N, C-alpha and C. Protein backbone atom coordinates (compact mmCIF):
# COMPACT_ATOMS: atom_id res chain seq x y z
N MET A 1 -113.66 5.41 49.33
CA MET A 1 -112.48 4.60 49.55
C MET A 1 -112.08 4.70 51.01
N SER A 2 -111.90 3.61 51.66
CA SER A 2 -111.51 3.62 53.07
C SER A 2 -110.00 3.81 53.18
N GLN A 3 -109.56 4.06 54.40
CA GLN A 3 -108.15 4.30 54.65
C GLN A 3 -107.28 3.08 54.37
N SER A 4 -107.85 1.89 54.45
CA SER A 4 -107.05 0.68 54.32
C SER A 4 -106.78 0.30 52.87
N GLN A 5 -107.54 0.85 51.93
CA GLN A 5 -107.34 0.50 50.53
C GLN A 5 -106.14 1.24 49.97
N ALA A 6 -105.44 0.56 49.07
CA ALA A 6 -104.27 1.15 48.43
C ALA A 6 -104.73 2.17 47.38
N PRO A 7 -103.91 3.19 47.13
CA PRO A 7 -104.27 4.15 46.10
C PRO A 7 -104.26 3.51 44.71
N SER A 8 -105.10 4.03 43.84
CA SER A 8 -105.18 3.50 42.48
C SER A 8 -103.96 3.94 41.68
N PRO A 9 -103.67 3.26 40.59
CA PRO A 9 -102.54 3.68 39.74
C PRO A 9 -102.68 5.12 39.24
N ARG A 10 -103.91 5.53 38.97
CA ARG A 10 -104.14 6.91 38.51
C ARG A 10 -103.80 7.91 39.62
N MET A 11 -104.19 7.60 40.86
CA MET A 11 -103.87 8.48 41.98
C MET A 11 -102.36 8.59 42.15
N LEU A 12 -101.65 7.48 42.02
CA LEU A 12 -100.20 7.49 42.15
C LEU A 12 -99.54 8.30 41.04
N LYS A 13 -100.02 8.13 39.82
CA LYS A 13 -99.44 8.83 38.68
C LYS A 13 -99.65 10.34 38.79
N VAL A 14 -100.87 10.75 39.10
CA VAL A 14 -101.16 12.18 39.23
C VAL A 14 -100.40 12.77 40.42
N GLY A 15 -100.33 12.03 41.52
CA GLY A 15 -99.58 12.49 42.68
C GLY A 15 -98.12 12.71 42.37
N GLU A 16 -97.54 11.82 41.59
CA GLU A 16 -96.13 11.96 41.22
C GLU A 16 -95.93 13.15 40.28
N GLU A 17 -96.86 13.38 39.38
CA GLU A 17 -96.76 14.55 38.49
C GLU A 17 -96.86 15.84 39.29
N VAL A 18 -97.77 15.89 40.25
CA VAL A 18 -97.90 17.07 41.09
C VAL A 18 -96.64 17.27 41.93
N ARG A 19 -96.08 16.17 42.44
CA ARG A 19 -94.85 16.27 43.24
C ARG A 19 -93.71 16.85 42.42
N HIS A 20 -93.53 16.36 41.20
CA HIS A 20 -92.47 16.88 40.34
C HIS A 20 -92.68 18.36 40.04
N ALA A 21 -93.91 18.76 39.76
CA ALA A 21 -94.20 20.16 39.46
C ALA A 21 -93.95 21.05 40.68
N LEU A 22 -94.38 20.61 41.86
CA LEU A 22 -94.14 21.38 43.08
C LEU A 22 -92.65 21.50 43.37
N ALA A 23 -91.92 20.40 43.22
CA ALA A 23 -90.48 20.42 43.46
C ALA A 23 -89.80 21.40 42.51
N ASP A 24 -90.24 21.44 41.27
CA ASP A 24 -89.68 22.36 40.29
C ASP A 24 -89.98 23.81 40.67
N ILE A 25 -91.19 24.06 41.13
CA ILE A 25 -91.57 25.42 41.55
C ILE A 25 -90.71 25.88 42.71
N PHE A 26 -90.52 25.03 43.71
CA PHE A 26 -89.70 25.41 44.87
C PHE A 26 -88.23 25.50 44.51
N MET A 27 -87.75 24.62 43.63
CA MET A 27 -86.35 24.63 43.25
C MET A 27 -86.00 25.92 42.51
N ARG A 28 -86.89 26.36 41.65
CA ARG A 28 -86.65 27.58 40.87
C ARG A 28 -86.92 28.85 41.66
N GLY A 29 -87.50 28.73 42.84
CA GLY A 29 -87.78 29.90 43.67
C GLY A 29 -88.89 30.77 43.11
N GLU A 30 -89.89 30.15 42.50
CA GLU A 30 -90.97 30.91 41.87
C GLU A 30 -92.00 31.42 42.87
N VAL A 31 -91.97 30.93 44.08
CA VAL A 31 -92.85 31.43 45.13
C VAL A 31 -92.01 32.36 45.99
N HIS A 32 -92.36 33.63 45.98
CA HIS A 32 -91.56 34.63 46.69
C HIS A 32 -92.20 34.94 48.03
N ALA A 33 -91.58 34.47 49.08
CA ALA A 33 -92.06 34.75 50.43
C ALA A 33 -90.87 35.19 51.27
N LEU A 34 -91.11 36.11 52.15
CA LEU A 34 -90.02 36.63 52.97
C LEU A 34 -89.41 35.54 53.84
N ASP A 35 -90.24 34.65 54.37
CA ASP A 35 -89.75 33.61 55.25
C ASP A 35 -89.12 32.44 54.50
N MET A 36 -89.13 32.48 53.17
CA MET A 36 -88.59 31.36 52.40
C MET A 36 -87.20 31.65 51.86
N ASP A 37 -86.65 32.83 52.14
CA ASP A 37 -85.32 33.16 51.63
C ASP A 37 -84.28 32.23 52.22
N GLY A 38 -83.53 31.57 51.36
CA GLY A 38 -82.47 30.68 51.80
C GLY A 38 -82.93 29.34 52.33
N VAL A 39 -84.21 29.03 52.21
CA VAL A 39 -84.74 27.77 52.71
C VAL A 39 -84.94 26.82 51.54
N SER A 40 -84.36 25.65 51.65
CA SER A 40 -84.53 24.63 50.62
C SER A 40 -85.69 23.72 51.02
N ILE A 41 -86.72 23.69 50.18
CA ILE A 41 -87.92 22.90 50.46
C ILE A 41 -87.89 21.63 49.63
N THR A 42 -88.08 20.51 50.28
CA THR A 42 -88.14 19.21 49.62
C THR A 42 -89.57 18.70 49.68
N VAL A 43 -90.09 18.31 48.53
CA VAL A 43 -91.42 17.70 48.45
C VAL A 43 -91.20 16.20 48.39
N SER A 44 -91.47 15.51 49.49
CA SER A 44 -91.16 14.08 49.55
C SER A 44 -92.27 13.21 48.98
N GLU A 45 -93.52 13.65 49.11
CA GLU A 45 -94.63 12.82 48.65
C GLU A 45 -95.86 13.70 48.45
N VAL A 46 -96.68 13.31 47.49
CA VAL A 46 -97.98 13.94 47.29
C VAL A 46 -99.01 12.83 47.23
N ARG A 47 -99.99 12.90 48.11
CA ARG A 47 -101.07 11.91 48.13
C ARG A 47 -102.33 12.56 47.59
N MET A 48 -102.94 11.89 46.63
CA MET A 48 -104.14 12.41 45.99
C MET A 48 -105.39 11.80 46.63
N SER A 49 -106.46 12.59 46.66
CA SER A 49 -107.75 12.05 47.09
C SER A 49 -108.29 11.17 45.96
N PRO A 50 -109.23 10.28 46.26
CA PRO A 50 -109.75 9.38 45.22
C PRO A 50 -110.35 10.11 44.01
N ASP A 51 -110.93 11.30 44.24
CA ASP A 51 -111.50 12.04 43.11
C ASP A 51 -110.49 12.96 42.43
N LEU A 52 -109.23 12.93 42.89
CA LEU A 52 -108.11 13.71 42.33
C LEU A 52 -108.30 15.22 42.47
N LYS A 53 -109.13 15.65 43.40
CA LYS A 53 -109.38 17.09 43.57
C LYS A 53 -108.63 17.70 44.74
N ILE A 54 -108.05 16.87 45.58
CA ILE A 54 -107.25 17.36 46.71
C ILE A 54 -105.92 16.63 46.72
N ALA A 55 -104.85 17.41 46.77
CA ALA A 55 -103.50 16.85 46.84
C ALA A 55 -102.88 17.28 48.17
N THR A 56 -102.41 16.31 48.94
CA THR A 56 -101.73 16.60 50.19
C THR A 56 -100.24 16.42 49.95
N ALA A 57 -99.50 17.53 50.02
CA ALA A 57 -98.07 17.52 49.75
C ALA A 57 -97.31 17.50 51.07
N TYR A 58 -96.43 16.53 51.22
CA TYR A 58 -95.60 16.42 52.42
C TYR A 58 -94.25 17.05 52.12
N ILE A 59 -93.91 18.08 52.90
CA ILE A 59 -92.68 18.82 52.64
C ILE A 59 -91.78 18.83 53.87
N ALA A 60 -90.51 19.03 53.60
CA ALA A 60 -89.51 19.17 54.65
C ALA A 60 -88.56 20.28 54.23
N THR A 61 -87.99 20.96 55.21
CA THR A 61 -87.00 21.99 54.92
C THR A 61 -85.63 21.42 55.26
N LEU A 62 -84.69 21.67 54.40
CA LEU A 62 -83.33 21.19 54.62
C LEU A 62 -82.47 22.33 55.13
N GLY A 63 -81.80 22.09 56.23
CA GLY A 63 -80.91 23.08 56.79
C GLY A 63 -81.61 24.23 57.49
N SER A 64 -82.86 24.07 57.83
CA SER A 64 -83.60 25.14 58.49
C SER A 64 -84.71 24.53 59.34
N ASN A 65 -85.08 25.24 60.37
CA ASN A 65 -86.19 24.81 61.23
C ASN A 65 -87.40 25.72 61.05
N LYS A 66 -87.59 26.24 59.85
CA LYS A 66 -88.67 27.18 59.60
C LYS A 66 -89.95 26.51 59.13
N LEU A 67 -90.04 25.21 59.20
CA LEU A 67 -91.21 24.51 58.68
C LEU A 67 -92.48 24.93 59.39
N ASP A 68 -92.41 25.17 60.70
CA ASP A 68 -93.60 25.56 61.46
C ASP A 68 -94.14 26.92 61.02
N THR A 69 -93.27 27.80 60.57
CA THR A 69 -93.74 29.10 60.08
C THR A 69 -94.11 29.06 58.60
N LEU A 70 -93.50 28.15 57.84
CA LEU A 70 -93.78 28.06 56.41
C LEU A 70 -95.12 27.41 56.10
N LEU A 71 -95.50 26.39 56.85
CA LEU A 71 -96.74 25.67 56.55
C LEU A 71 -97.97 26.58 56.54
N PRO A 72 -98.18 27.41 57.56
CA PRO A 72 -99.35 28.31 57.49
C PRO A 72 -99.27 29.29 56.32
N LEU A 73 -98.06 29.77 56.01
CA LEU A 73 -97.92 30.67 54.88
C LEU A 73 -98.29 29.99 53.57
N LEU A 74 -97.78 28.78 53.38
CA LEU A 74 -98.06 28.05 52.15
C LEU A 74 -99.54 27.70 52.04
N ASN A 75 -100.14 27.27 53.13
CA ASN A 75 -101.54 26.85 53.09
C ASN A 75 -102.52 28.01 52.95
N LYS A 76 -102.22 29.15 53.55
CA LYS A 76 -103.18 30.25 53.54
C LYS A 76 -102.87 31.32 52.51
N HIS A 77 -101.63 31.75 52.46
CA HIS A 77 -101.31 32.93 51.65
C HIS A 77 -100.77 32.62 50.26
N TYR A 78 -100.13 31.48 50.08
CA TYR A 78 -99.49 31.21 48.80
C TYR A 78 -100.11 30.07 48.01
N SER A 79 -101.17 29.47 48.53
CA SER A 79 -101.76 28.32 47.84
C SER A 79 -102.35 28.72 46.49
N ARG A 80 -102.91 29.91 46.40
CA ARG A 80 -103.49 30.36 45.13
C ARG A 80 -102.40 30.58 44.08
N ALA A 81 -101.30 31.20 44.48
CA ALA A 81 -100.19 31.43 43.54
C ALA A 81 -99.57 30.11 43.11
N ILE A 82 -99.46 29.17 44.04
CA ILE A 82 -98.89 27.86 43.72
C ILE A 82 -99.81 27.11 42.77
N ARG A 83 -101.11 27.18 42.98
CA ARG A 83 -102.06 26.54 42.05
C ARG A 83 -101.96 27.14 40.66
N HIS A 84 -101.76 28.45 40.59
CA HIS A 84 -101.60 29.09 39.28
C HIS A 84 -100.34 28.58 38.58
N LEU A 85 -99.25 28.47 39.33
CA LEU A 85 -98.01 27.94 38.75
C LEU A 85 -98.17 26.48 38.34
N LEU A 86 -98.91 25.71 39.13
CA LEU A 86 -99.17 24.32 38.76
C LEU A 86 -100.01 24.22 37.49
N SER A 87 -100.95 25.14 37.33
CA SER A 87 -101.81 25.09 36.14
C SER A 87 -101.01 25.30 34.86
N GLN A 88 -99.88 25.99 34.96
CA GLN A 88 -99.03 26.19 33.79
C GLN A 88 -98.20 24.95 33.46
N ARG A 89 -98.04 24.05 34.42
CA ARG A 89 -97.21 22.86 34.22
C ARG A 89 -98.02 21.58 34.00
N LEU A 90 -99.18 21.51 34.63
CA LEU A 90 -99.98 20.28 34.57
C LEU A 90 -101.19 20.47 33.66
N HIS A 91 -101.52 19.43 32.96
CA HIS A 91 -102.69 19.47 32.08
C HIS A 91 -103.67 18.42 32.58
N LEU A 92 -104.44 18.82 33.59
CA LEU A 92 -105.41 17.93 34.21
C LEU A 92 -106.81 18.51 34.01
N LYS A 93 -107.79 17.65 34.04
CA LYS A 93 -109.18 18.10 33.91
C LYS A 93 -109.54 19.03 35.07
N PHE A 94 -109.17 18.63 36.29
CA PHE A 94 -109.37 19.45 37.48
C PHE A 94 -108.03 19.64 38.15
N LEU A 95 -107.68 20.89 38.41
CA LEU A 95 -106.45 21.17 39.13
C LEU A 95 -106.73 20.98 40.62
N PRO A 96 -105.98 20.12 41.30
CA PRO A 96 -106.29 19.83 42.70
C PRO A 96 -105.96 20.99 43.63
N GLN A 97 -106.70 21.06 44.73
CA GLN A 97 -106.34 21.97 45.81
C GLN A 97 -105.12 21.36 46.49
N ILE A 98 -104.18 22.20 46.87
CA ILE A 98 -102.95 21.72 47.49
C ILE A 98 -103.01 22.00 48.98
N ARG A 99 -102.77 20.96 49.76
CA ARG A 99 -102.66 21.09 51.21
C ARG A 99 -101.25 20.66 51.60
N PHE A 100 -100.55 21.52 52.30
CA PHE A 100 -99.19 21.22 52.70
C PHE A 100 -99.17 20.68 54.13
N ARG A 101 -98.41 19.63 54.32
CA ARG A 101 -98.24 19.01 55.64
C ARG A 101 -96.74 18.79 55.87
N ALA A 102 -96.37 18.75 57.13
CA ALA A 102 -94.96 18.52 57.48
C ALA A 102 -94.61 17.06 57.29
N ASP A 103 -93.45 16.83 56.73
CA ASP A 103 -92.94 15.47 56.57
C ASP A 103 -91.84 15.27 57.61
N HIS A 104 -92.12 14.42 58.57
CA HIS A 104 -91.16 14.17 59.64
C HIS A 104 -90.33 12.91 59.40
N SER A 105 -90.44 12.32 58.23
CA SER A 105 -89.71 11.07 57.98
C SER A 105 -88.20 11.28 57.98
N PHE A 106 -87.73 12.46 57.53
CA PHE A 106 -86.30 12.73 57.54
C PHE A 106 -85.79 12.81 58.98
N ASP A 107 -86.56 13.47 59.85
CA ASP A 107 -86.17 13.58 61.26
C ASP A 107 -86.16 12.21 61.93
N GLU A 108 -87.17 11.39 61.64
CA GLU A 108 -87.23 10.05 62.22
C GLU A 108 -86.07 9.18 61.73
N ALA A 109 -85.73 9.29 60.46
CA ALA A 109 -84.61 8.52 59.91
C ALA A 109 -83.30 8.95 60.57
N LYS A 110 -83.14 10.25 60.82
CA LYS A 110 -81.92 10.72 61.49
C LYS A 110 -81.85 10.21 62.92
N LYS A 111 -82.98 10.21 63.62
CA LYS A 111 -82.99 9.68 65.00
C LYS A 111 -82.60 8.21 65.02
N ILE A 112 -83.14 7.43 64.10
CA ILE A 112 -82.81 6.01 64.04
C ILE A 112 -81.34 5.82 63.70
N HIS A 113 -80.85 6.61 62.75
CA HIS A 113 -79.43 6.52 62.38
C HIS A 113 -78.54 6.85 63.57
N ASP A 114 -78.88 7.90 64.30
CA ASP A 114 -78.09 8.29 65.48
C ASP A 114 -78.13 7.21 66.56
N LEU A 115 -79.30 6.60 66.78
CA LEU A 115 -79.40 5.53 67.77
C LEU A 115 -78.57 4.32 67.37
N LEU A 116 -78.62 3.96 66.11
CA LEU A 116 -77.83 2.82 65.64
C LEU A 116 -76.34 3.12 65.72
N HIS A 117 -75.97 4.33 65.38
CA HIS A 117 -74.56 4.72 65.46
C HIS A 117 -74.09 4.73 66.91
N GLN A 118 -74.94 5.22 67.81
CA GLN A 118 -74.60 5.25 69.23
C GLN A 118 -74.47 3.83 69.79
N ALA A 119 -75.36 2.94 69.37
CA ALA A 119 -75.30 1.56 69.84
C ALA A 119 -74.06 0.84 69.32
N ALA A 120 -73.61 1.19 68.14
CA ALA A 120 -72.42 0.56 67.57
C ALA A 120 -71.16 1.00 68.29
N ILE A 121 -71.17 2.19 68.87
CA ILE A 121 -69.99 2.70 69.55
C ILE A 121 -69.87 2.16 70.97
N GLN A 122 -70.99 1.98 71.65
CA GLN A 122 -70.95 1.54 73.04
C GLN A 122 -70.46 0.10 73.13
N PRO A 123 -69.54 -0.16 74.07
CA PRO A 123 -69.06 -1.54 74.24
C PRO A 123 -70.14 -2.42 74.88
N ILE A 124 -70.11 -3.67 74.55
CA ILE A 124 -71.06 -4.63 75.11
C ILE A 124 -70.55 -5.05 76.48
N GLU A 125 -71.42 -4.91 77.49
CA GLU A 125 -71.03 -5.27 78.84
C GLU A 125 -71.42 -6.71 79.12
N ASP A 126 -70.58 -7.39 79.88
CA ASP A 126 -70.86 -8.78 80.25
C ASP A 126 -71.64 -8.78 81.55
N ASP A 127 -72.88 -9.27 81.51
CA ASP A 127 -73.75 -9.28 82.69
C ASP A 127 -73.55 -10.50 83.57
N THR A 128 -72.78 -11.47 83.15
CA THR A 128 -72.61 -12.69 83.94
C THR A 128 -71.60 -12.43 85.04
N THR A 129 -72.03 -12.63 86.25
CA THR A 129 -71.14 -12.49 87.41
C THR A 129 -71.10 -13.82 88.14
N SER A 130 -69.97 -14.46 88.12
CA SER A 130 -69.85 -15.78 88.75
C SER A 130 -69.00 -15.71 89.96
């Protein structure tokens, strides 16, 4: 499958199931990491590979800038524990490998919101000089 093709309905369905399971795991605090104390993790999207064996989870941290330190921990040290927790929630023929990536869409949306808010406050200047 090339990059330009849309994901299949099965890929979307499995991705959404994995997203819900990951969100539940993080919400309940079932992954115990020292750097995750007090950090709220949001799973915004999970994209599945065409063979459903690799899941790329896009995450963001709310109220913290620890995402750069959390991603290596999740990908290297906690991926096995997270897969085990997923196996208890999902009933799939093959449990996908989970790859965590940073989701910057929240940051981009905030930048756009701030720019629009700033533009709404600034008065419009009249450039016509006669």
